[in-house]
Structures are given as structure tokens and as C-alpha cells.
Amino acid sequence: MSEDNWFVLRPQKAQAFGRPEGNGFLVRKGSTAMVNGSPRVKRDREERDRLVRQGVLVLDSDPDLYRFSRDHAFASPSVAGGVVKDGNCSGPQSWCRPIDGKTLKDAMR
């Protein structure tokens, strides 16, 4: 898959790159995620905390961010987005392709 097929999500200070892969959604090593995002209910917080315990997410040099220490496959783009954003996320509408600005939802039509 070429570099053109990566999608980006940029909530607050974080920037993550991901793409559909198999039956899930892969987030690329080096992507960042918010330590504390939106104050609303966070349905993916448990998954985020599990990734921290496993060392997939490590503290970044910026104290507001985690960094992905390796590529990680999520069950869906929404769970991936929720972890990156530290808040609820509609993955198909939130991940955008930088080359043309299309959302994941529009690109998969």
C-alpha cells in the first residue's frame, strides 16, 4: 500500500496515521495520542489504558501526548480514533486522507 493510502487524525496536539488493514484499522508507529482529551465519557479509555500497560503507547517528550512504540491494529477506525483522541470518535468520519481531504467513509465508497 502506498503512502497515499494513509489517513490522518489530528485531535488537539496529537497526530496519528492509520489505514484499513484486513478486518481492522492499523495505526502507524510514531503516531501520537492525547493523554487527556475531551472531558466527556470515554468509551475507549479501557483500551487506551491496556495499550499503555502493554507498552504500545509510551509517554512522548510532550507531556500531553503518548507515542505509538510500534504499529498497532485496532478492531475498527472508531476505536483507533477514540484512543488517539482520548474521547469518543466516529472513525469513518474523522480519519481523513491528506492527499485529497476525503474522509475514510468517502474514500471507501
PDB file of N, CA and C in Angstrom:
ATOM      1  N   MET A   1       0.850  -1.180   0.000  1.00  0.00           N
ATOM      2  CA  MET A   1       0.000   0.000   0.000  1.00  0.00           C
ATOM      3  C   MET A   1       0.891   1.237   0.000  1.00  0.00           C
ATOM      4  N   SER A   2       0.576   2.188  -0.849  1.00  0.00           N
ATOM      5  CA  SER A   2       1.416   3.374  -0.970  1.00  0.00           C
ATOM      6  C   SER A   2       1.158   4.367   0.162  1.00  0.00           C
ATOM      7  N   GLU A   3       2.048   5.326   0.273  1.00  0.00           N
ATOM      8  CA  GLU A   3       1.931   6.379   1.282  1.00  0.00           C
ATOM      9  C   GLU A   3       0.632   7.159   1.105  1.00  0.00           C
ATOM     10  N   ASP A   4       0.111   7.196  -0.118  1.00  0.00           N
ATOM     11  CA  ASP A   4      -1.129   7.919  -0.407  1.00  0.00           C
ATOM     12  C   ASP A   4      -2.351   7.294   0.248  1.00  0.00           C
ATOM     13  N   ASN A   5      -2.245   6.066   0.714  1.00  0.00           N
ATOM     14  CA  ASN A   5      -3.395   5.374   1.290  1.00  0.00           C
ATOM     15  C   ASN A   5      -3.478   5.496   2.808  1.00  0.00           C
ATOM     16  N   TRP A   6      -2.636   6.297   3.404  1.00  0.00           N
ATOM     17  CA  TRP A   6      -2.703   6.540   4.842  1.00  0.00           C
ATOM     18  C   TRP A   6      -3.702   7.668   5.105  1.00  0.00           C
ATOM     19  N   PHE A   7      -4.380   7.560   6.219  1.00  0.00           N
ATOM     20  CA  PHE A   7      -5.325   8.574   6.672  1.00  0.00           C
ATOM     21  C   PHE A   7      -4.733   9.207   7.929  1.00  0.00           C
ATOM     22  N   VAL A   8      -5.141  10.438   8.220  1.00  0.00           N
ATOM     23  CA  VAL A   8      -4.609  11.149   9.378  1.00  0.00           C
ATOM     24  C   VAL A   8      -5.752  11.611  10.275  1.00  0.00           C
ATOM     25  N   LEU A   9      -5.454  11.639  11.566  1.00  0.00           N
ATOM     26  CA  LEU A   9      -6.377  12.176  12.566  1.00  0.00           C
ATOM     27  C   LEU A   9      -5.554  13.119  13.426  1.00  0.00           C
ATOM     28  N   ARG A  10      -6.029  14.376  13.580  1.00  0.00           N
ATOM     29  CA  ARG A  10      -5.274  15.392  14.324  1.00  0.00           C
ATOM     30  C   ARG A  10      -6.140  16.039  15.403  1.00  0.00           C
ATOM     31  N   PRO A  11      -6.399  15.332  16.486  1.00  0.00           N
ATOM     32  CA  PRO A  11      -7.143  15.961  17.587  1.00  0.00           C
ATOM     33  C   PRO A  11      -6.194  16.743  18.496  1.00  0.00           C
ATOM     34  N   GLN A  12      -6.505  17.974  18.749  1.00  0.00           N
ATOM     35  CA  GLN A  12      -5.694  18.842  19.606  1.00  0.00           C
ATOM     36  C   GLN A  12      -4.232  18.783  19.180  1.00  0.00           C
ATOM     37  N   LYS A  13      -3.316  18.312  20.035  1.00  0.00           N
ATOM     38  CA  LYS A  13      -1.886  18.280  19.717  1.00  0.00           C
ATOM     39  C   LYS A  13      -1.455  16.976  19.034  1.00  0.00           C
ATOM     40  N   ALA A  14      -2.301  15.962  19.087  1.00  0.00           N
ATOM     41  CA  ALA A  14      -1.927  14.640  18.559  1.00  0.00           C
ATOM     42  C   ALA A  14      -1.994  14.602  17.031  1.00  0.00           C
ATOM     43  N   GLN A  15      -1.233  13.673  16.466  1.00  0.00           N
ATOM     44  CA  GLN A  15      -1.287  13.409  15.029  1.00  0.00           C
ATOM     45  C   GLN A  15      -1.020  11.920  14.828  1.00  0.00           C
ATOM     46  N   ALA A  16      -2.006  11.228  14.272  1.00  0.00           N
ATOM     47  CA  ALA A  16      -1.873   9.787  14.054  1.00  0.00           C
ATOM     48  C   ALA A  16      -2.150   9.451  12.594  1.00  0.00           C
ATOM     49  N   PHE A  17      -1.439   8.453  12.099  1.00  0.00           N
ATOM     50  CA  PHE A  17      -1.624   7.961  10.742  1.00  0.00           C
ATOM     51  C   PHE A  17      -2.119   6.528  10.804  1.00  0.00           C
ATOM     52  N   GLY A  18      -3.147   6.221  10.034  1.00  0.00           N
ATOM     53  CA  GLY A  18      -3.701   4.877  10.032  1.00  0.00           C
ATOM     54  C   GLY A  18      -4.298   4.527   8.690  1.00  0.00           C
ATOM     55  N   ARG A  19      -4.616   3.242   8.535  1.00  0.00           N
ATOM     56  CA  ARG A  19      -5.235   2.776   7.298  1.00  0.00           C
ATOM     57  C   ARG A  19      -5.987   1.489   7.564  1.00  0.00           C
ATOM     58  N   PRO A  20      -7.013   1.236   6.756  1.00  0.00           N
ATOM     59  CA  PRO A  20      -7.717  -0.036   6.872  1.00  0.00           C
ATOM     60  C   PRO A  20      -6.755  -1.168   6.520  1.00  0.00           C
ATOM     61  N   GLU A  21      -6.821  -2.237   7.288  1.00  0.00           N
ATOM     62  CA  GLU A  21      -5.982  -3.392   7.013  1.00  0.00           C
ATOM     63  C   GLU A  21      -6.702  -4.640   7.515  1.00  0.00           C
ATOM     64  N   GLY A  22      -6.923  -5.582   6.598  1.00  0.00           N
ATOM     65  CA  GLY A  22      -7.668  -6.784   6.969  1.00  0.00           C
ATOM     66  C   GLY A  22      -9.058  -6.396   7.429  1.00  0.00           C
ATOM     67  N   ASN A  23      -9.453  -6.904   8.574  1.00  0.00           N
ATOM     68  CA  ASN A  23     -10.771  -6.579   9.136  1.00  0.00           C
ATOM     69  C   ASN A  23     -10.696  -5.472  10.174  1.00  0.00           C
ATOM     70  N   GLY A  24      -9.566  -4.767  10.234  1.00  0.00           N
ATOM     71  CA  GLY A  24      -9.410  -3.747  11.252  1.00  0.00           C
ATOM     72  C   GLY A  24      -8.820  -2.471  10.706  1.00  0.00           C
ATOM     73  N   PHE A  25      -8.120  -1.765  11.585  1.00  0.00           N
ATOM     74  CA  PHE A  25      -7.531  -0.471  11.233  1.00  0.00           C
ATOM     75  C   PHE A  25      -6.172  -0.375  11.911  1.00  0.00           C
ATOM     76  N   LEU A  26      -5.129  -0.165  11.127  1.00  0.00           N
ATOM     77  CA  LEU A  26      -3.754  -0.128  11.620  1.00  0.00           C
ATOM     78  C   LEU A  26      -3.310   1.307  11.863  1.00  0.00           C
ATOM     79  N   VAL A  27      -2.773   1.575  13.055  1.00  0.00           N
ATOM     80  CA  VAL A  27      -2.185   2.880  13.355  1.00  0.00           C
ATOM     81  C   VAL A  27      -0.670   2.711  13.339  1.00  0.00           C
ATOM     82  N   ARG A  28      -0.014   3.624  12.640  1.00  0.00           N
ATOM     83  CA  ARG A  28       1.423   3.535  12.381  1.00  0.00           C
ATOM     84  C   ARG A  28       2.273   3.942  13.580  1.00  0.00           C
ATOM     85  N   LYS A  29       3.361   3.217  13.766  1.00  0.00           N
ATOM     86  CA  LYS A  29       4.369   3.531  14.777  1.00  0.00           C
ATOM     87  C   LYS A  29       4.789   4.996  14.634  1.00  0.00           C
ATOM     88  N   GLY A  30       4.966   5.676  15.780  1.00  0.00           N
ATOM     89  CA  GLY A  30       5.369   7.083  15.768  1.00  0.00           C
ATOM     90  C   GLY A  30       4.200   8.041  15.839  1.00  0.00           C
ATOM     91  N   SER A  31       2.987   7.532  15.576  1.00  0.00           N
ATOM     92  CA  SER A  31       1.790   8.364  15.725  1.00  0.00           C
ATOM     93  C   SER A  31       1.649   8.764  17.185  1.00  0.00           C
ATOM     94  N   THR A  32       0.950   9.873  17.424  1.00  0.00           N
ATOM     95  CA  THR A  32       0.749  10.313  18.806  1.00  0.00           C
ATOM     96  C   THR A  32      -0.726  10.285  19.167  1.00  0.00           C
ATOM     97  N   ALA A  33      -0.979  10.227  20.480  1.00  0.00           N
ATOM     98  CA  ALA A  33      -2.343  10.191  21.029  1.00  0.00           C
ATOM     99  C   ALA A  33      -2.392  11.113  22.244  1.00  0.00           C
ATOM    100  N   MET A  34      -3.530  11.690  22.478  1.00  0.00           N
ATOM    101  CA  MET A  34      -3.705  12.591  23.619  1.00  0.00           C
ATOM    102  C   MET A  34      -3.683  11.815  24.938  1.00  0.00           C
ATOM    103  N   VAL A  35      -2.983  12.354  25.936  1.00  0.00           N
ATOM    104  CA  VAL A  35      -3.015  11.776  27.276  1.00  0.00           C
ATOM    105  C   VAL A  35      -4.365  12.078  27.909  1.00  0.00           C
ATOM    106  N   ASN A  36      -4.821  13.312  27.789  1.00  0.00           N
ATOM    107  CA  ASN A  36      -6.115  13.728  28.317  1.00  0.00           C
ATOM    108  C   ASN A  36      -6.832  14.540  27.252  1.00  0.00           C
ATOM    109  N   GLY A  37      -7.818  13.925  26.632  1.00  0.00           N
ATOM    110  CA  GLY A  37      -8.581  14.603  25.597  1.00  0.00           C
ATOM    111  C   GLY A  37      -9.851  15.201  26.151  1.00  0.00           C
ATOM    112  N   SER A  38     -10.873  15.100  25.352  1.00  0.00           N
ATOM    113  CA  SER A  38     -12.185  15.637  25.690  1.00  0.00           C
ATOM    114  C   SER A  38     -12.648  15.161  27.069  1.00  0.00           C
ATOM    115  N   PRO A  39     -13.271  16.051  27.861  1.00  0.00           N
ATOM    116  CA  PRO A  39     -13.703  15.664  29.206  1.00  0.00           C
ATOM    117  C   PRO A  39     -14.956  14.786  29.247  1.00  0.00           C
ATOM    118  N   ARG A  40     -15.555  14.520  28.096  1.00  0.00           N
ATOM    119  CA  ARG A  40     -16.770  13.703  28.074  1.00  0.00           C
ATOM    120  C   ARG A  40     -16.460  12.238  28.364  1.00  0.00           C
ATOM    121  N   VAL A  41     -17.486  11.433  28.415  1.00  0.00           N
ATOM    122  CA  VAL A  41     -17.334   9.996  28.625  1.00  0.00           C
ATOM    123  C   VAL A  41     -16.412   9.427  27.547  1.00  0.00           C
ATOM    124  N   LYS A  42     -15.543   8.520  27.941  1.00  0.00           N
ATOM    125  CA  LYS A  42     -14.542   7.975  27.030  1.00  0.00           C
ATOM    126  C   LYS A  42     -14.728   6.473  26.918  1.00  0.00           C
ATOM    127  N   ARG A  43     -15.446   6.041  25.898  1.00  0.00           N
ATOM    128  CA  ARG A  43     -15.752   4.619  25.795  1.00  0.00           C
ATOM    129  C   ARG A  43     -14.529   3.762  25.479  1.00  0.00           C
ATOM    130  N   ASP A  44     -13.454   4.366  24.962  1.00  0.00           N
ATOM    131  CA  ASP A  44     -12.256   3.599  24.607  1.00  0.00           C
ATOM    132  C   ASP A  44     -11.108   3.780  25.603  1.00  0.00           C
ATOM    133  N   ARG A  45     -11.381   4.373  26.750  1.00  0.00           N
ATOM    134  CA  ARG A  45     -10.343   4.615  27.763  1.00  0.00           C
ATOM    135  C   ARG A  45      -9.741   3.298  28.263  1.00  0.00           C
ATOM    136  N   GLU A  46     -10.562   2.277  28.442  1.00  0.00           N
ATOM    137  CA  GLU A  46     -10.065   0.976  28.909  1.00  0.00           C
ATOM    138  C   GLU A  46      -9.047   0.396  27.911  1.00  0.00           C
ATOM    139  N   GLU A  47      -9.359   0.492  26.629  1.00  0.00           N
ATOM    140  CA  GLU A  47      -8.444   0.017  25.580  1.00  0.00           C
ATOM    141  C   GLU A  47      -7.156   0.837  25.608  1.00  0.00           C
ATOM    142  N   ARG A  48      -7.267   2.147  25.744  1.00  0.00           N
ATOM    143  CA  ARG A  48      -6.095   3.011  25.803  1.00  0.00           C
ATOM    144  C   ARG A  48      -5.211   2.633  26.984  1.00  0.00           C
ATOM    145  N   ASP A  49      -5.807   2.435  28.156  1.00  0.00           N
ATOM    146  CA  ASP A  49      -5.044   2.071  29.344  1.00  0.00           C
ATOM    147  C   ASP A  49      -4.359   0.715  29.175  1.00  0.00           C
ATOM    148  N   ARG A  50      -5.012  -0.212  28.498  1.00  0.00           N
ATOM    149  CA  ARG A  50      -4.422  -1.527  28.231  1.00  0.00           C
ATOM    150  C   ARG A  50      -3.180  -1.371  27.338  1.00  0.00           C
ATOM    151  N   LEU A  51      -3.264  -0.505  26.330  1.00  0.00           N
ATOM    152  CA  LEU A  51      -2.129  -0.280  25.435  1.00  0.00           C
ATOM    153  C   LEU A  51      -0.957   0.379  26.162  1.00  0.00           C
ATOM    154  N   VAL A  52      -1.248   1.227  27.131  1.00  0.00           N
ATOM    155  CA  VAL A  52      -0.194   1.833  27.953  1.00  0.00           C
ATOM    156  C   VAL A  52       0.486   0.730  28.773  1.00  0.00           C
ATOM    157  N   ARG A  53      -0.293  -0.134  29.410  1.00  0.00           N
ATOM    158  CA  ARG A  53       0.277  -1.230  30.208  1.00  0.00           C
ATOM    159  C   ARG A  53       1.130  -2.162  29.358  1.00  0.00           C
ATOM    160  N   GLN A  54       0.734  -2.381  28.109  1.00  0.00           N
ATOM    161  CA  GLN A  54       1.464  -3.279  27.214  1.00  0.00           C
ATOM    162  C   GLN A  54       2.667  -2.621  26.542  1.00  0.00           C
ATOM    163  N   GLY A  55       2.829  -1.317  26.716  1.00  0.00           N
ATOM    164  CA  GLY A  55       3.959  -0.619  26.117  1.00  0.00           C
ATOM    165  C   GLY A  55       3.756  -0.233  24.659  1.00  0.00           C
ATOM    166  N   VAL A  56       2.538  -0.400  24.146  1.00  0.00           N
ATOM    167  CA  VAL A  56       2.243   0.052  22.780  1.00  0.00           C
ATOM    168  C   VAL A  56       2.204   1.575  22.763  1.00  0.00           C
ATOM    169  N   LEU A  57       1.616   2.171  23.801  1.00  0.00           N
ATOM    170  CA  LEU A  57       1.601   3.627  23.971  1.00  0.00           C
ATOM    171  C   LEU A  57       2.576   3.978  25.089  1.00  0.00           C
ATOM    172  N   VAL A  58       3.529   4.851  24.768  1.00  0.00           N
ATOM    173  CA  VAL A  58       4.519   5.298  25.752  1.00  0.00           C
ATOM    174  C   VAL A  58       4.462   6.821  25.834  1.00  0.00           C
ATOM    175  N   LEU A  59       4.890   7.371  26.955  1.00  0.00           N
ATOM    176  CA  LEU A  59       4.888   8.822  27.091  1.00  0.00           C
ATOM    177  C   LEU A  59       5.834   9.441  26.071  1.00  0.00           C
ATOM    178  N   ASP A  60       5.382  10.520  25.472  1.00  0.00           N
ATOM    179  CA  ASP A  60       6.143  11.267  24.483  1.00  0.00           C
ATOM    180  C   ASP A  60       6.974  12.326  25.213  1.00  0.00           C
ATOM    181  N   SER A  61       7.864  13.008  24.508  1.00  0.00           N
ATOM    182  CA  SER A  61       8.611  14.123  25.112  1.00  0.00           C
ATOM    183  C   SER A  61       7.664  15.271  25.479  1.00  0.00           C
ATOM    184  N   ASP A  62       6.538  15.369  24.785  1.00  0.00           N
ATOM    185  CA  ASP A  62       5.485  16.331  25.138  1.00  0.00           C
ATOM    186  C   ASP A  62       4.590  15.643  26.178  1.00  0.00           C
ATOM    187  N   PRO A  63       4.480  16.186  27.392  1.00  0.00           N
ATOM    188  CA  PRO A  63       3.708  15.518  28.447  1.00  0.00           C
ATOM    189  C   PRO A  63       2.209  15.372  28.146  1.00  0.00           C
ATOM    190  N   ASP A  64       1.717  16.050  27.127  1.00  0.00           N
ATOM    191  CA  ASP A  64       0.300  15.933  26.756  1.00  0.00           C
ATOM    192  C   ASP A  64       0.040  14.751  25.827  1.00  0.00           C
ATOM    193  N   LEU A  65       1.108  14.074  25.403  1.00  0.00           N
ATOM    194  CA  LEU A  65       0.959  13.048  24.364  1.00  0.00           C
ATOM    195  C   LEU A  65       1.545  11.693  24.748  1.00  0.00           C
ATOM    196  N   TYR A  66       0.934  10.658  24.189  1.00  0.00           N
ATOM    197  CA  TYR A  66       1.532   9.322  24.129  1.00  0.00           C
ATOM    198  C   TYR A  66       2.030   9.150  22.706  1.00  0.00           C
ATOM    199  N   ARG A  67       3.000   8.250  22.528  1.00  0.00           N
ATOM    200  CA  ARG A  67       3.502   7.902  21.205  1.00  0.00           C
ATOM    201  C   ARG A  67       3.352   6.397  21.020  1.00  0.00           C
ATOM    202  N   PHE A  68       2.944   5.980  19.806  1.00  0.00           N
ATOM    203  CA  PHE A  68       2.863   4.557  19.491  1.00  0.00           C
ATOM    204  C   PHE A  68       4.280   4.023  19.303  1.00  0.00           C
ATOM    205  N   SER A  69       4.673   3.051  20.113  1.00  0.00           N
ATOM    206  CA  SER A  69       6.018   2.481  20.047  1.00  0.00           C
ATOM    207  C   SER A  69       6.154   1.480  18.909  1.00  0.00           C
ATOM    208  N   ARG A  70       5.033   1.049  18.375  1.00  0.00           N
ATOM    209  CA  ARG A  70       5.012   0.112  17.241  1.00  0.00           C
ATOM    210  C   ARG A  70       3.667   0.238  16.539  1.00  0.00           C
ATOM    211  N   ASP A  71       3.589  -0.305  15.331  1.00  0.00           N
ATOM    212  CA  ASP A  71       2.303  -0.362  14.631  1.00  0.00           C
ATOM    213  C   ASP A  71       1.322  -1.133  15.498  1.00  0.00           C
ATOM    214  N   HIS A  72       0.052  -0.717  15.464  1.00  0.00           N
ATOM    215  CA  HIS A  72      -0.956  -1.436  16.251  1.00  0.00           C
ATOM    216  C   HIS A  72      -2.254  -1.536  15.463  1.00  0.00           C
ATOM    217  N   ALA A  73      -2.794  -2.749  15.409  1.00  0.00           N
ATOM    218  CA  ALA A  73      -4.065  -2.990  14.717  1.00  0.00           C
ATOM    219  C   ALA A  73      -5.215  -2.912  15.712  1.00  0.00           C
ATOM    220  N   PHE A  74      -6.197  -2.088  15.377  1.00  0.00           N
ATOM    221  CA  PHE A  74      -7.421  -1.951  16.172  1.00  0.00           C
ATOM    222  C   PHE A  74      -8.551  -2.685  15.476  1.00  0.00           C
ATOM    223  N   ALA A  75      -9.602  -2.973  16.202  1.00  0.00           N
ATOM    224  CA  ALA A  75     -10.765  -3.656  15.628  1.00  0.00           C
ATOM    225  C   ALA A  75     -11.499  -2.776  14.629  1.00  0.00           C
ATOM    226  N   SER A  76     -11.404  -1.449  14.803  1.00  0.00           N
ATOM    227  CA  SER A  76     -12.136  -0.537  13.921  1.00  0.00           C
ATOM    228  C   SER A  76     -11.467   0.834  13.919  1.00  0.00           C
ATOM    229  N   PRO A  77     -11.756   1.654  12.899  1.00  0.00           N
ATOM    230  CA  PRO A  77     -11.216   3.016  12.891  1.00  0.00           C
ATOM    231  C   PRO A  77     -11.797   3.872  14.019  1.00  0.00           C
ATOM    232  N   SER A  78     -12.976   3.534  14.498  1.00  0.00           N
ATOM    233  CA  SER A  78     -13.574   4.302  15.593  1.00  0.00           C
ATOM    234  C   SER A  78     -12.846   4.057  16.909  1.00  0.00           C
ATOM    235  N   VAL A  79     -12.486   2.808  17.188  1.00  0.00           N
ATOM    236  CA  VAL A  79     -11.721   2.510  18.408  1.00  0.00           C
ATOM    237  C   VAL A  79     -10.345   3.162  18.302  1.00  0.00           C
ATOM    238  N   ALA A  80      -9.709   3.054  17.136  1.00  0.00           N
ATOM    239  CA  ALA A  80      -8.401   3.698  16.931  1.00  0.00           C
ATOM    240  C   ALA A  80      -8.510   5.198  17.183  1.00  0.00           C
ATOM    241  N   GLY A  81      -9.524   5.829  16.609  1.00  0.00           N
ATOM    242  CA  GLY A  81      -9.720   7.263  16.793  1.00  0.00           C
ATOM    243  C   GLY A  81     -10.015   7.629  18.227  1.00  0.00           C
ATOM    244  N   GLY A  82     -10.795   6.804  18.902  1.00  0.00           N
ATOM    245  CA  GLY A  82     -11.110   7.049  20.315  1.00  0.00           C
ATOM    246  C   GLY A  82      -9.879   7.023  21.193  1.00  0.00           C
ATOM    247  N   VAL A  83      -8.968   6.112  20.897  1.00  0.00           N
ATOM    248  CA  VAL A  83      -7.718   6.023  21.661  1.00  0.00           C
ATOM    249  C   VAL A  83      -6.834   7.232  21.351  1.00  0.00           C
ATOM    250  N   VAL A  84      -6.712   7.593  20.088  1.00  0.00           N
ATOM    251  CA  VAL A  84      -5.879   8.736  19.693  1.00  0.00           C
ATOM    252  C   VAL A  84      -6.417  10.034  20.286  1.00  0.00           C
ATOM    253  N   LYS A  85      -7.705  10.191  20.236  1.00  0.00           N
ATOM    254  CA  LYS A  85      -8.369  11.421  20.677  1.00  0.00           C
ATOM    255  C   LYS A  85      -8.567  11.466  22.192  1.00  0.00           C
ATOM    256  N   ASP A  86      -8.564  10.296  22.834  1.00  0.00           N
ATOM    257  CA  ASP A  86      -8.968  10.144  24.237  1.00  0.00           C
ATOM    258  C   ASP A  86     -10.364  10.719  24.429  1.00  0.00           C
ATOM    259  N   GLY A  87     -11.240  10.264  23.569  1.00  0.00           N
ATOM    260  CA  GLY A  87     -12.644  10.657  23.605  1.00  0.00           C
ATOM    261  C   GLY A  87     -13.379   9.871  22.539  1.00  0.00           C
ATOM    262  N   ASN A  88     -14.673   9.919  22.563  1.00  0.00           N
ATOM    263  CA  ASN A  88     -15.456   9.169  21.577  1.00  0.00           C
ATOM    264  C   ASN A  88     -15.200   9.695  20.172  1.00  0.00           C
ATOM    265  N   CYS A  89     -15.235   8.781  19.189  1.00  0.00           N
ATOM    266  CA  CYS A  89     -14.847   9.155  17.836  1.00  0.00           C
ATOM    267  C   CYS A  89     -15.608   8.318  16.814  1.00  0.00           C
ATOM    268  N   SER A  90     -16.103   8.962  15.776  1.00  0.00           N
ATOM    269  CA  SER A  90     -16.639   8.263  14.617  1.00  0.00           C
ATOM    270  C   SER A  90     -15.496   8.144  13.622  1.00  0.00           C
ATOM    271  N   GLY A  91     -14.827   7.009  13.630  1.00  0.00           N
ATOM    272  CA  GLY A  91     -13.660   6.804  12.785  1.00  0.00           C
ATOM    273  C   GLY A  91     -13.877   7.080  11.307  1.00  0.00           C
ATOM    274  N   PRO A  92     -14.938   6.513  10.696  1.00  0.00           N
ATOM    275  CA  PRO A  92     -15.133   6.742   9.263  1.00  0.00           C
ATOM    276  C   PRO A  92     -15.273   8.214   8.890  1.00  0.00           C
ATOM    277  N   GLN A  93     -15.758   9.024   9.819  1.00  0.00           N
ATOM    278  CA  GLN A  93     -15.924  10.456   9.525  1.00  0.00           C
ATOM    279  C   GLN A  93     -14.749  11.304  10.011  1.00  0.00           C
ATOM    280  N   SER A  94     -13.880  10.739  10.851  1.00  0.00           N
ATOM    281  CA  SER A  94     -12.801  11.528  11.452  1.00  0.00           C
ATOM    282  C   SER A  94     -11.443  11.343  10.792  1.00  0.00           C
ATOM    283  N   TRP A  95     -11.156  10.145  10.323  1.00  0.00           N
ATOM    284  CA  TRP A  95      -9.875   9.907   9.643  1.00  0.00           C
ATOM    285  C   TRP A  95      -9.977  10.479   8.230  1.00  0.00           C
ATOM    286  N   CYS A  96      -9.006  11.330   7.851  1.00  0.00           N
ATOM    287  CA  CYS A  96      -9.000  11.971   6.527  1.00  0.00           C
ATOM    288  C   CYS A  96      -7.721  11.636   5.778  1.00  0.00           C
ATOM    289  N   ARG A  97      -7.835  11.523   4.470  1.00  0.00           N
ATOM    290  CA  ARG A  97      -6.675  11.261   3.618  1.00  0.00           C
ATOM    291  C   ARG A  97      -6.036  12.592   3.243  1.00  0.00           C
ATOM    292  N   PRO A  98      -4.776  12.820   3.616  1.00  0.00           N
ATOM    293  CA  PRO A  98      -4.140  14.118   3.365  1.00  0.00           C
ATOM    294  C   PRO A  98      -4.063  14.512   1.892  1.00  0.00           C
ATOM    295  N   ILE A  99      -3.929  13.553   0.992  1.00  0.00           N
ATOM    296  CA  ILE A  99      -3.738  13.908  -0.419  1.00  0.00           C
ATOM    297  C   ILE A  99      -4.957  14.567  -1.051  1.00  0.00           C
ATOM    298  N   ASP A 100      -6.161  14.222  -0.560  1.00  0.00           N
ATOM    299  CA  ASP A 100      -7.361  14.798  -1.177  1.00  0.00           C
ATOM    300  C   ASP A 100      -8.411  15.267  -0.165  1.00  0.00           C
ATOM    301  N   GLY A 101      -8.141  15.100   1.132  1.00  0.00           N
ATOM    302  CA  GLY A 101      -9.070  15.554   2.158  1.00  0.00           C
ATOM    303  C   GLY A 101     -10.291  14.678   2.348  1.00  0.00           C
ATOM    304  N   LYS A 102     -10.358  13.556   1.622  1.00  0.00           N
ATOM    305  CA  LYS A 102     -11.526  12.670   1.760  1.00  0.00           C
ATOM    306  C   LYS A 102     -11.488  11.936   3.089  1.00  0.00           C
ATOM    307  N   THR A 103     -12.665  11.819   3.701  1.00  0.00           N
ATOM    308  CA  THR A 103     -12.763  11.025   4.919  1.00  0.00           C
ATOM    309  C   THR A 103     -12.657   9.551   4.544  1.00  0.00           C
ATOM    310  N   LEU A 104     -12.399   8.743   5.537  1.00  0.00           N
ATOM    311  CA  LEU A 104     -12.347   7.292   5.325  1.00  0.00           C
ATOM    312  C   LEU A 104     -13.683   6.807   4.738  1.00  0.00           C
ATOM    313  N   LYS A 105     -14.766   7.352   5.274  1.00  0.00           N
ATOM    314  CA  LYS A 105     -16.102   6.972   4.791  1.00  0.00           C
ATOM    315  C   LYS A 105     -16.242   7.268   3.296  1.00  0.00           C
ATOM    316  N   ASP A 106     -15.856   8.461   2.863  1.00  0.00           N
ATOM    317  CA  ASP A 106     -15.974   8.845   1.455  1.00  0.00           C
ATOM    318  C   ASP A 106     -15.011   8.054   0.579  1.00  0.00           C
ATOM    319  N   ALA A 107     -13.821   7.791   1.076  1.00  0.00           N
ATOM    320  CA  ALA A 107     -12.822   7.071   0.281  1.00  0.00           C
ATOM    321  C   ALA A 107     -13.190   5.604   0.059  1.00  0.00           C
ATOM    322  N   MET A 108     -13.989   5.030   0.972  1.00  0.00           N
ATOM    323  CA  MET A 108     -14.355   3.623   0.874  1.00  0.00           C
ATOM    324  C   MET A 108     -15.618   3.390   0.050  1.00  0.00           C
ATOM    325  N   ARG A 109     -16.207   4.443  -0.466  1.00  0.00           N
ATOM    326  CA  ARG A 109     -17.429   4.294  -1.272  1.00  0.00           C
ATOM    327  C   ARG A 109     -17.109   3.746  -2.632  1.00  0.00           C
TER     328      ARG A 109
END
